[in-house]
Amino acid sequence: QLLVATVLSAQCTDKRINQVTPALFQRYPDAAAM
């Protein structure tokens, strides 16, 4: 999840990423799921 969040954070604020990742990680919590 740290890796995913860091990839998403490129050219974007951490605040925005933290708004997006809860739903993303709920559906895809690990590499196997994603």
PDB file of all heavy atoms in Angstrom:
ATOM      1  N   GLN A   1       0.820  -1.206   0.000  1.00  0.00           N
ATOM      2  CA  GLN A   1       0.000   0.000   0.000  1.00  0.00           C
ATOM      3  C   GLN A   1       0.857   1.260   0.000  1.00  0.00           C
ATOM      4  O   GLN A   1       0.504   2.262  -0.629  1.00  0.00           O
ATOM      5  CB  GLN A   1      -0.960  -0.023   1.194  1.00  0.00           C
ATOM      6  CG  GLN A   1      -2.027  -1.099   1.065  1.00  0.00           C
ATOM      7  CD  GLN A   1      -3.007  -1.110   2.215  1.00  0.00           C
ATOM      8  OE1 GLN A   1      -2.978  -0.238   3.097  1.00  0.00           O
ATOM      9  NE2 GLN A   1      -3.896  -2.097   2.236  1.00  0.00           N
ATOM     10  N   LEU A   2       1.998   1.228   0.677  1.00  0.00           N
ATOM     11  CA  LEU A   2       2.925   2.357   0.614  1.00  0.00           C
ATOM     12  C   LEU A   2       3.425   2.554  -0.814  1.00  0.00           C
ATOM     13  O   LEU A   2       3.477   3.687  -1.312  1.00  0.00           O
ATOM     14  CB  LEU A   2       4.116   2.122   1.542  1.00  0.00           C
ATOM     15  CG  LEU A   2       5.267   3.130   1.394  1.00  0.00           C
ATOM     16  CD1 LEU A   2       4.824   4.532   1.798  1.00  0.00           C
ATOM     17  CD2 LEU A   2       6.475   2.684   2.224  1.00  0.00           C
ATOM     18  N   LEU A   3       3.780   1.469  -1.465  1.00  0.00           N
ATOM     19  CA  LEU A   3       4.246   1.545  -2.849  1.00  0.00           C
ATOM     20  C   LEU A   3       3.176   2.163  -3.749  1.00  0.00           C
ATOM     21  O   LEU A   3       3.459   3.071  -4.545  1.00  0.00           O
ATOM     22  CB  LEU A   3       4.623   0.155  -3.350  1.00  0.00           C
ATOM     23  CG  LEU A   3       4.999   0.039  -4.838  1.00  0.00           C
ATOM     24  CD1 LEU A   3       6.235   0.864  -5.156  1.00  0.00           C
ATOM     25  CD2 LEU A   3       5.213  -1.430  -5.213  1.00  0.00           C
ATOM     26  N   VAL A   4       1.957   1.690  -3.633  1.00  0.00           N
ATOM     27  CA  VAL A   4       0.854   2.202  -4.446  1.00  0.00           C
ATOM     28  C   VAL A   4       0.634   3.682  -4.173  1.00  0.00           C
ATOM     29  O   VAL A   4       0.505   4.499  -5.105  1.00  0.00           O
ATOM     30  CB  VAL A   4      -0.430   1.404  -4.171  1.00  0.00           C
ATOM     31  CG1 VAL A   4      -1.638   2.106  -4.787  1.00  0.00           C
ATOM     32  CG2 VAL A   4      -0.308  -0.018  -4.716  1.00  0.00           C
ATOM     33  N   ALA A   5       0.595   4.056  -2.910  1.00  0.00           N
ATOM     34  CA  ALA A   5       0.357   5.456  -2.550  1.00  0.00           C
ATOM     35  C   ALA A   5       1.474   6.351  -3.072  1.00  0.00           C
ATOM     36  O   ALA A   5       1.217   7.478  -3.527  1.00  0.00           O
ATOM     37  CB  ALA A   5       0.222   5.592  -1.040  1.00  0.00           C
ATOM     38  N   THR A   6       2.699   5.863  -3.027  1.00  0.00           N
ATOM     39  CA  THR A   6       3.832   6.658  -3.498  1.00  0.00           C
ATOM     40  C   THR A   6       3.792   6.825  -5.008  1.00  0.00           C
ATOM     41  O   THR A   6       4.075   7.916  -5.536  1.00  0.00           O
ATOM     42  CB  THR A   6       5.153   6.013  -3.068  1.00  0.00           C
ATOM     43  OG1 THR A   6       5.152   5.792  -1.647  1.00  0.00           O
ATOM     44  CG2 THR A   6       6.334   6.916  -3.404  1.00  0.00           C
ATOM     45  N   VAL A   7       3.448   5.775  -5.718  1.00  0.00           N
ATOM     46  CA  VAL A   7       3.281   5.888  -7.174  1.00  0.00           C
ATOM     47  C   VAL A   7       2.194   6.908  -7.500  1.00  0.00           C
ATOM     48  O   VAL A   7       2.350   7.757  -8.379  1.00  0.00           O
ATOM     49  CB  VAL A   7       2.956   4.513  -7.793  1.00  0.00           C
ATOM     50  CG1 VAL A   7       2.514   4.673  -9.248  1.00  0.00           C
ATOM     51  CG2 VAL A   7       4.159   3.588  -7.709  1.00  0.00           C
ATOM     52  N   LEU A   8       1.093   6.854  -6.788  1.00  0.00           N
ATOM     53  CA  LEU A   8      -0.012   7.781  -7.026  1.00  0.00           C
ATOM     54  C   LEU A   8       0.365   9.224  -6.697  1.00  0.00           C
ATOM     55  O   LEU A   8      -0.165  10.169  -7.290  1.00  0.00           O
ATOM     56  CB  LEU A   8      -1.225   7.376  -6.191  1.00  0.00           C
ATOM     57  CG  LEU A   8      -1.988   6.127  -6.636  1.00  0.00           C
ATOM     58  CD1 LEU A   8      -3.049   5.769  -5.601  1.00  0.00           C
ATOM     59  CD2 LEU A   8      -2.630   6.341  -8.002  1.00  0.00           C
ATOM     60  N   SER A   9       1.293   9.416  -5.755  1.00  0.00           N
ATOM     61  CA  SER A   9       1.604  10.760  -5.267  1.00  0.00           C
ATOM     62  C   SER A   9       2.435  11.588  -6.231  1.00  0.00           C
ATOM     63  O   SER A   9       2.591  12.804  -6.028  1.00  0.00           O
ATOM     64  CB  SER A   9       2.326  10.674  -3.915  1.00  0.00           C
ATOM     65  OG  SER A   9       3.648  10.157  -4.078  1.00  0.00           O
ATOM     66  N   ALA A  10       2.961  10.992  -7.283  1.00  0.00           N
ATOM     67  CA  ALA A  10       3.753  11.749  -8.251  1.00  0.00           C
ATOM     68  C   ALA A  10       2.918  12.867  -8.847  1.00  0.00           C
ATOM     69  O   ALA A  10       1.809  12.630  -9.356  1.00  0.00           O
ATOM     70  CB  ALA A  10       4.270  10.825  -9.352  1.00  0.00           C
ATOM     71  N   GLN A  11       3.411  14.099  -8.772  1.00  0.00           N
ATOM     72  CA  GLN A  11       2.708  15.263  -9.307  1.00  0.00           C
ATOM     73  C   GLN A  11       1.325  15.446  -8.670  1.00  0.00           C
ATOM     74  O   GLN A  11       0.399  15.938  -9.307  1.00  0.00           O
ATOM     75  CB  GLN A  11       2.564  15.162 -10.834  1.00  0.00           C
ATOM     76  CG  GLN A  11       3.855  14.932 -11.576  1.00  0.00           C
ATOM     77  CD  GLN A  11       4.830  16.078 -11.401  1.00  0.00           C
ATOM     78  OE1 GLN A  11       4.451  17.225 -11.480  1.00  0.00           O
ATOM     79  NE2 GLN A  11       6.094  15.755 -11.162  1.00  0.00           N
ATOM     80  N   CYS A  12       1.202  15.035  -7.424  1.00  0.00           N
ATOM     81  CA  CYS A  12      -0.086  15.149  -6.731  1.00  0.00           C
ATOM     82  C   CYS A  12       0.194  15.305  -5.236  1.00  0.00           C
ATOM     83  O   CYS A  12       1.228  14.856  -4.741  1.00  0.00           O
ATOM     84  CB  CYS A  12      -0.923  13.885  -6.986  1.00  0.00           C
ATOM     85  SG  CYS A  12      -2.693  14.107  -6.726  1.00  0.00           S
ATOM     86  N   THR A  13      -0.713  15.924  -4.509  1.00  0.00           N
ATOM     87  CA  THR A  13      -0.491  16.136  -3.082  1.00  0.00           C
ATOM     88  C   THR A  13      -0.809  14.879  -2.277  1.00  0.00           C
ATOM     89  O   THR A  13      -1.675  14.083  -2.651  1.00  0.00           O
ATOM     90  CB  THR A  13      -1.369  17.285  -2.558  1.00  0.00           C
ATOM     91  OG1 THR A  13      -2.757  16.906  -2.655  1.00  0.00           O
ATOM     92  CG2 THR A  13      -1.139  18.561  -3.355  1.00  0.00           C
ATOM     93  N   ASP A  14      -0.128  14.736  -1.155  1.00  0.00           N
ATOM     94  CA  ASP A  14      -0.421  13.610  -0.264  1.00  0.00           C
ATOM     95  C   ASP A  14      -1.855  13.686   0.250  1.00  0.00           C
ATOM     96  O   ASP A  14      -2.507  12.657   0.455  1.00  0.00           O
ATOM     97  CB  ASP A  14       0.554  13.606   0.925  1.00  0.00           C
ATOM     98  CG  ASP A  14       1.953  13.165   0.529  1.00  0.00           C
ATOM     99  OD1 ASP A  14       2.175  12.871  -0.665  1.00  0.00           O
ATOM    100  OD2 ASP A  14       2.831  13.116   1.412  1.00  0.00           O
ATOM    101  N   LYS A  15      -2.346  14.904   0.458  1.00  0.00           N
ATOM    102  CA  LYS A  15      -3.725  15.066   0.934  1.00  0.00           C
ATOM    103  C   LYS A  15      -4.710  14.450  -0.044  1.00  0.00           C
ATOM    104  O   LYS A  15      -5.629  13.730   0.352  1.00  0.00           O
ATOM    105  CB  LYS A  15      -4.029  16.554   1.137  1.00  0.00           C
ATOM    106  CG  LYS A  15      -5.433  16.831   1.646  1.00  0.00           C
ATOM    107  CD  LYS A  15      -5.663  18.321   1.838  1.00  0.00           C
ATOM    108  CE  LYS A  15      -7.077  18.598   2.341  1.00  0.00           C
ATOM    109  NZ  LYS A  15      -7.307  20.068   2.540  1.00  0.00           N
ATOM    110  N   ARG A  16      -4.523  14.704  -1.326  1.00  0.00           N
ATOM    111  CA  ARG A  16      -5.402  14.136  -2.335  1.00  0.00           C
ATOM    112  C   ARG A  16      -5.285  12.617  -2.361  1.00  0.00           C
ATOM    113  O   ARG A  16      -6.289  11.906  -2.448  1.00  0.00           O
ATOM    114  CB  ARG A  16      -5.059  14.725  -3.710  1.00  0.00           C
ATOM    115  CG  ARG A  16      -5.660  13.988  -4.903  1.00  0.00           C
ATOM    116  CD  ARG A  16      -7.180  13.942  -4.855  1.00  0.00           C
ATOM    117  NE  ARG A  16      -7.759  15.278  -4.875  1.00  0.00           N
ATOM    118  CZ  ARG A  16      -9.072  15.514  -4.741  1.00  0.00           C
ATOM    119  NH1 ARG A  16      -9.911  14.501  -4.569  1.00  0.00           N
ATOM    120  NH2 ARG A  16      -9.535  16.754  -4.770  1.00  0.00           N
ATOM    121  N   ILE A  17      -4.072  12.106  -2.275  1.00  0.00           N
ATOM    122  CA  ILE A  17      -3.871  10.652  -2.319  1.00  0.00           C
ATOM    123  C   ILE A  17      -4.542   9.992  -1.121  1.00  0.00           C
ATOM    124  O   ILE A  17      -5.171   8.932  -1.254  1.00  0.00           O
ATOM    125  CB  ILE A  17      -2.364  10.305  -2.348  1.00  0.00           C
ATOM    126  CG1 ILE A  17      -1.697  10.950  -3.568  1.00  0.00           C
ATOM    127  CG2 ILE A  17      -2.167   8.796  -2.358  1.00  0.00           C
ATOM    128  CD1 ILE A  17      -2.381  10.678  -4.880  1.00  0.00           C
ATOM    129  N   ASN A  18      -4.452  10.609   0.036  1.00  0.00           N
ATOM    130  CA  ASN A  18      -5.078  10.037   1.229  1.00  0.00           C
ATOM    131  C   ASN A  18      -6.604  10.052   1.156  1.00  0.00           C
ATOM    132  O   ASN A  18      -7.275   9.327   1.895  1.00  0.00           O
ATOM    133  CB  ASN A  18      -4.609  10.781   2.478  1.00  0.00           C
ATOM    134  CG  ASN A  18      -3.162  10.492   2.820  1.00  0.00           C
ATOM    135  OD1 ASN A  18      -2.613   9.462   2.428  1.00  0.00           O
ATOM    136  ND2 ASN A  18      -2.524  11.399   3.548  1.00  0.00           N
ATOM    137  N   GLN A  19      -7.156  10.871   0.283  1.00  0.00           N
ATOM    138  CA  GLN A  19      -8.606  10.863   0.065  1.00  0.00           C
ATOM    139  C   GLN A  19      -9.019   9.734  -0.874  1.00  0.00           C
ATOM    140  O   GLN A  19     -10.151   9.247  -0.818  1.00  0.00           O
ATOM    141  CB  GLN A  19      -9.042  12.211  -0.526  1.00  0.00           C
ATOM    142  CG  GLN A  19      -8.896  13.380   0.428  1.00  0.00           C
ATOM    143  CD  GLN A  19      -9.153  14.726  -0.247  1.00  0.00           C
ATOM    144  OE1 GLN A  19      -9.133  14.832  -1.474  1.00  0.00           O
ATOM    145  NE2 GLN A  19      -9.382  15.760   0.546  1.00  0.00           N
ATOM    146  N   VAL A  20      -8.085   9.317  -1.724  1.00  0.00           N
ATOM    147  CA  VAL A  20      -8.377   8.318  -2.749  1.00  0.00           C
ATOM    148  C   VAL A  20      -8.109   6.890  -2.280  1.00  0.00           C
ATOM    149  O   VAL A  20      -8.861   5.958  -2.605  1.00  0.00           O
ATOM    150  CB  VAL A  20      -7.538   8.620  -4.019  1.00  0.00           C
ATOM    151  CG1 VAL A  20      -7.568   7.454  -4.996  1.00  0.00           C
ATOM    152  CG2 VAL A  20      -8.037   9.890  -4.685  1.00  0.00           C
ATOM    153  N   THR A  21      -7.035   6.702  -1.518  1.00  0.00           N
ATOM    154  CA  THR A  21      -6.580   5.338  -1.223  1.00  0.00           C
ATOM    155  C   THR A  21      -7.482   4.506  -0.312  1.00  0.00           C
ATOM    156  O   THR A  21      -7.461   3.274  -0.441  1.00  0.00           O
ATOM    157  CB  THR A  21      -5.157   5.359  -0.642  1.00  0.00           C
ATOM    158  OG1 THR A  21      -5.075   6.314   0.443  1.00  0.00           O
ATOM    159  CG2 THR A  21      -4.149   5.733  -1.714  1.00  0.00           C
ATOM    160  N   PRO A  22      -8.262   5.073   0.608  1.00  0.00           N
ATOM    161  CA  PRO A  22      -9.102   4.190   1.428  1.00  0.00           C
ATOM    162  C   PRO A  22     -10.006   3.284   0.594  1.00  0.00           C
ATOM    163  O   PRO A  22     -10.073   2.062   0.835  1.00  0.00           O
ATOM    164  CB  PRO A  22      -9.906   5.166   2.296  1.00  0.00           C
ATOM    165  CG  PRO A  22      -8.989   6.334   2.462  1.00  0.00           C
ATOM    166  CD  PRO A  22      -8.323   6.466   1.116  1.00  0.00           C
ATOM    167  N   ALA A  23     -10.722   3.836  -0.378  1.00  0.00           N
ATOM    168  CA  ALA A  23     -11.597   3.018  -1.217  1.00  0.00           C
ATOM    169  C   ALA A  23     -10.786   2.075  -2.104  1.00  0.00           C
ATOM    170  O   ALA A  23     -11.174   0.923  -2.332  1.00  0.00           O
ATOM    171  CB  ALA A  23     -12.483   3.913  -2.075  1.00  0.00           C
ATOM    172  N   LEU A  24      -9.633   2.564  -2.593  1.00  0.00           N
ATOM    173  CA  LEU A  24      -8.777   1.731  -3.437  1.00  0.00           C
ATOM    174  C   LEU A  24      -8.260   0.524  -2.663  1.00  0.00           C
ATOM    175  O   LEU A  24      -8.304  -0.618  -3.155  1.00  0.00           O
ATOM    176  CB  LEU A  24      -7.606   2.566  -3.960  1.00  0.00           C
ATOM    177  CG  LEU A  24      -6.605   1.842  -4.860  1.00  0.00           C
ATOM    178  CD1 LEU A  24      -7.259   1.444  -6.189  1.00  0.00           C
ATOM    179  CD2 LEU A  24      -5.373   2.723  -5.107  1.00  0.00           C
ATOM    180  N   PHE A  25      -7.791   0.756  -1.447  1.00  0.00           N
ATOM    181  CA  PHE A  25      -7.233  -0.341  -0.655  1.00  0.00           C
ATOM    182  C   PHE A  25      -8.311  -1.271  -0.097  1.00  0.00           C
ATOM    183  O   PHE A  25      -8.045  -2.431   0.204  1.00  0.00           O
ATOM    184  CB  PHE A  25      -6.382   0.215   0.491  1.00  0.00           C
ATOM    185  CG  PHE A  25      -5.136   0.934   0.022  1.00  0.00           C
ATOM    186  CD1 PHE A  25      -4.560   1.926   0.803  1.00  0.00           C
ATOM    187  CD2 PHE A  25      -4.540   0.608  -1.183  1.00  0.00           C
ATOM    188  CE1 PHE A  25      -3.406   2.579   0.388  1.00  0.00           C
ATOM    189  CE2 PHE A  25      -3.387   1.262  -1.608  1.00  0.00           C
ATOM    190  CZ  PHE A  25      -2.824   2.257  -0.825  1.00  0.00           C
ATOM    191  N   GLN A  26      -9.513  -0.743   0.056  1.00  0.00           N
ATOM    192  CA  GLN A  26     -10.602  -1.614   0.500  1.00  0.00           C
ATOM    193  C   GLN A  26     -10.911  -2.652  -0.585  1.00  0.00           C
ATOM    194  O   GLN A  26     -11.157  -3.813  -0.281  1.00  0.00           O
ATOM    195  CB  GLN A  26     -11.845  -0.783   0.815  1.00  0.00           C
ATOM    196  CG  GLN A  26     -13.001  -1.625   1.347  1.00  0.00           C
ATOM    197  CD  GLN A  26     -14.195  -0.771   1.762  1.00  0.00           C
ATOM    198  OE1 GLN A  26     -14.300   0.393   1.384  1.00  0.00           O
ATOM    199  NE2 GLN A  26     -15.088  -1.356   2.554  1.00  0.00           N
ATOM    200  N   ARG A  27     -10.873  -2.219  -1.831  1.00  0.00           N
ATOM    201  CA  ARG A  27     -11.157  -3.141  -2.916  1.00  0.00           C
ATOM    202  C   ARG A  27      -9.938  -3.977  -3.292  1.00  0.00           C
ATOM    203  O   ARG A  27     -10.058  -5.162  -3.611  1.00  0.00           O
ATOM    204  CB  ARG A  27     -11.634  -2.382  -4.152  1.00  0.00           C
ATOM    205  CG  ARG A  27     -12.101  -3.323  -5.275  1.00  0.00           C
ATOM    206  CD  ARG A  27     -12.637  -2.573  -6.476  1.00  0.00           C
ATOM    207  NE  ARG A  27     -13.797  -1.734  -6.156  1.00  0.00           N
ATOM    208  CZ  ARG A  27     -14.445  -1.013  -7.068  1.00  0.00           C
ATOM    209  NH1 ARG A  27     -14.057  -1.021  -8.340  1.00  0.00           N
ATOM    210  NH2 ARG A  27     -15.493  -0.279  -6.713  1.00  0.00           N
ATOM    211  N   TYR A  28      -8.764  -3.350  -3.234  1.00  0.00           N
ATOM    212  CA  TYR A  28      -7.530  -4.045  -3.625  1.00  0.00           C
ATOM    213  C   TYR A  28      -6.487  -3.890  -2.516  1.00  0.00           C
ATOM    214  O   TYR A  28      -5.584  -3.060  -2.594  1.00  0.00           O
ATOM    215  CB  TYR A  28      -6.976  -3.472  -4.934  1.00  0.00           C
ATOM    216  CG  TYR A  28      -7.976  -3.433  -6.062  1.00  0.00           C
ATOM    217  CD1 TYR A  28      -8.432  -2.225  -6.583  1.00  0.00           C
ATOM    218  CD2 TYR A  28      -8.474  -4.614  -6.629  1.00  0.00           C
ATOM    219  CE1 TYR A  28      -9.344  -2.180  -7.619  1.00  0.00           C
ATOM    220  CE2 TYR A  28      -9.395  -4.585  -7.663  1.00  0.00           C
ATOM    221  CZ  TYR A  28      -9.831  -3.364  -8.152  1.00  0.00           C
ATOM    222  OH  TYR A  28     -10.740  -3.340  -9.177  1.00  0.00           O
ATOM    223  N   PRO A  29      -6.599  -4.686  -1.465  1.00  0.00           N
ATOM    224  CA  PRO A  29      -5.714  -4.505  -0.311  1.00  0.00           C
ATOM    225  C   PRO A  29      -4.282  -4.972  -0.530  1.00  0.00           C
ATOM    226  O   PRO A  29      -3.375  -4.548   0.190  1.00  0.00           O
ATOM    227  CB  PRO A  29      -6.396  -5.344   0.776  1.00  0.00           C
ATOM    228  CG  PRO A  29      -7.130  -6.412   0.011  1.00  0.00           C
ATOM    229  CD  PRO A  29      -7.609  -5.736  -1.230  1.00  0.00           C
ATOM    230  N   ASP A  30      -4.056  -5.834  -1.513  1.00  0.00           N
ATOM    231  CA  ASP A  30      -2.713  -6.354  -1.727  1.00  0.00           C
ATOM    232  C   ASP A  30      -2.468  -6.581  -3.212  1.00  0.00           C
ATOM    233  O   ASP A  30      -3.354  -6.395  -4.049  1.00  0.00           O
ATOM    234  CB  ASP A  30      -2.508  -7.653  -0.936  1.00  0.00           C
ATOM    235  CG  ASP A  30      -3.608  -8.674  -1.173  1.00  0.00           C
ATOM    236  OD1 ASP A  30      -4.144  -8.731  -2.305  1.00  0.00           O
ATOM    237  OD2 ASP A  30      -3.961  -9.425  -0.237  1.00  0.00           O
ATOM    238  N   ALA A  31      -1.241  -6.993  -3.522  1.00  0.00           N
ATOM    239  CA  ALA A  31      -0.869  -7.182  -4.925  1.00  0.00           C
ATOM    240  C   ALA A  31      -1.695  -8.274  -5.589  1.00  0.00           C
ATOM    241  O   ALA A  31      -2.053  -8.166  -6.761  1.00  0.00           O
ATOM    242  CB  ALA A  31       0.625  -7.506  -5.018  1.00  0.00           C
ATOM    243  N   ALA A  32      -1.993  -9.320  -4.847  1.00  0.00           N
ATOM    244  CA  ALA A  32      -2.761 -10.426  -5.414  1.00  0.00           C
ATOM    245  C   ALA A  32      -4.131  -9.944  -5.886  1.00  0.00           C
ATOM    246  O   ALA A  32      -4.593 -10.301  -6.980  1.00  0.00           O
ATOM    247  CB  ALA A  32      -2.912 -11.542  -4.386  1.00  0.00           C
ATOM    248  N   ALA A  33      -4.777  -9.125  -5.077  1.00  0.00           N
ATOM    249  CA  ALA A  33      -6.104  -8.617  -5.442  1.00  0.00           C
ATOM    250  C   ALA A  33      -6.020  -7.660  -6.626  1.00  0.00           C
ATOM    251  O   ALA A  33      -6.805  -7.753  -7.580  1.00  0.00           O
ATOM    252  CB  ALA A  33      -6.740  -7.923  -4.239  1.00  0.00           C
ATOM    253  N   MET A  34      -5.044  -6.745  -6.591  1.00  0.00           N
ATOM    254  CA  MET A  34      -4.951  -5.761  -7.663  1.00  0.00           C
ATOM    255  C   MET A  34      -4.476  -6.387  -8.974  1.00  0.00           C
ATOM    256  O   MET A  34      -4.788  -5.894 -10.055  1.00  0.00           O
ATOM    257  CB  MET A  34      -4.036  -4.598  -7.264  1.00  0.00           C
ATOM    258  CG  MET A  34      -4.140  -3.391  -8.184  1.00  0.00           C
ATOM    259  SD  MET A  34      -3.227  -1.939  -7.608  1.00  0.00           S
ATOM    260  CE  MET A  34      -4.269  -1.386  -6.237  1.00  0.00           C
TER     261      MET A  34
END
